């Protein structure tokens, strides 16, 4: 397509593509600044968003120019056919809105409450500020020895990381967008801190959240299964101290669990990786039980082993959030029947097909989860629901996930929101 999402690490040959002549892909800076442009119709840029155009090769693809190009911001992309935006004048975002099913009532009044039971708020803010590949030469590589060598997107020993700081103003901007959802009353989100390198950022987010959002940012701490080796006794103690430092905003342990998909190659080369991952999960599950904290579980291509660990380590009445679950109906039934305190999270991918007859595991799960066991989550910045697909997801997208789920199940969207929020409060005790 003339644009690769991984230009620095792609091992395929790239064939240059040329921009169609006369195409207006960015806003005119003079027009944006003053509302007028001396060049008039001769201006090569768009005078207003209605004039913005899309190259034919990208027509119909969600997310064109929806986020900033991380490589452009790093001074490493000059491709005129880049899929991402080269500067704010190219950014195209869908305005904050509520689904039609939730915007029938009086203007100016909050008519529905919404909460996000799982997101990565730091990644949301980084994506908005630095693009989809904010981690490029910013995050350290956790696969050493690394198969990509010097072509790796991540920071290797001896390399200086690129600083990409977050500021309180970044959260203020996002908070304003979330609170601008027509008819909505944002009542809270759960930020998942599942990386040792992100503990300090989580503490800052909770602090800023008290000032900017009246304490509506809650947090969980744990180690993600893709980096399970990092769950050392020292890291465990750091996370426990962070949990205590957050006071009432710290509400659970996780996300932790099993991910045989992302570690597939490692498991094939060394089967003991699977057992060590299960051990790290079991140790974290025991922490949640000892502390009386809800357990946030990530499970991918590992459903049977996930259930095995849970049954051995967690009492059946303990609160568990099986987050963004996309496994089988059989495993769903086993989980719900085995753990009366368990709930299942549904994320934005459920909106990609909203027909009552939609086929596939996710849609079967969306229909099968009892409402009293349902949680809504964005897993932001990932899997933004329609009509925001291609942008970063964040708590303000929850009404659209509820709307999609309502269409699939044939029930009112406000009922989905109300029940899911009640489950959110019950499971997390907020």
Foldseek 3Di string as FASTA:
>chain_A
DQEDPQVLQDPDDGDHDDADPLAAQFADPVCVVPVDDPCPPVDSHDNDPVRHDDGPVCPPPPQQQQFADLCLVVVRDDRPNYSHDNDPRRHDFDAAEFDPLQQPDDWPAQDFEFEAAEAAVVQQLQCRVRNPLSQQQAAADLDPVDPRPPSDRYHYPPRDGDDDDDDLVSVLVVVVRLVPYINYDYQAYEHEDADLVCLVVLLVCQVSCCVRVVRRYAYAYHHALVNLVPPDPVSVVVRVVSLVSSPLSHFAYDDAEDACPNCVVVCVVPVCSRVSSLVSRLVSLQVCVVVLGEYEYEDHPCLVSRVVSCLVRPQQARAYEDEQDQDAPVSVVVNVVRHVNAAYEHEQQLQPDQALPDDGRNLVVLQPGPLLRYAYHHNWQPNQHPPRPNHGHDRSRRSVSLVSSCSNNVHRSSVSRVSNVVSSCVRRVD
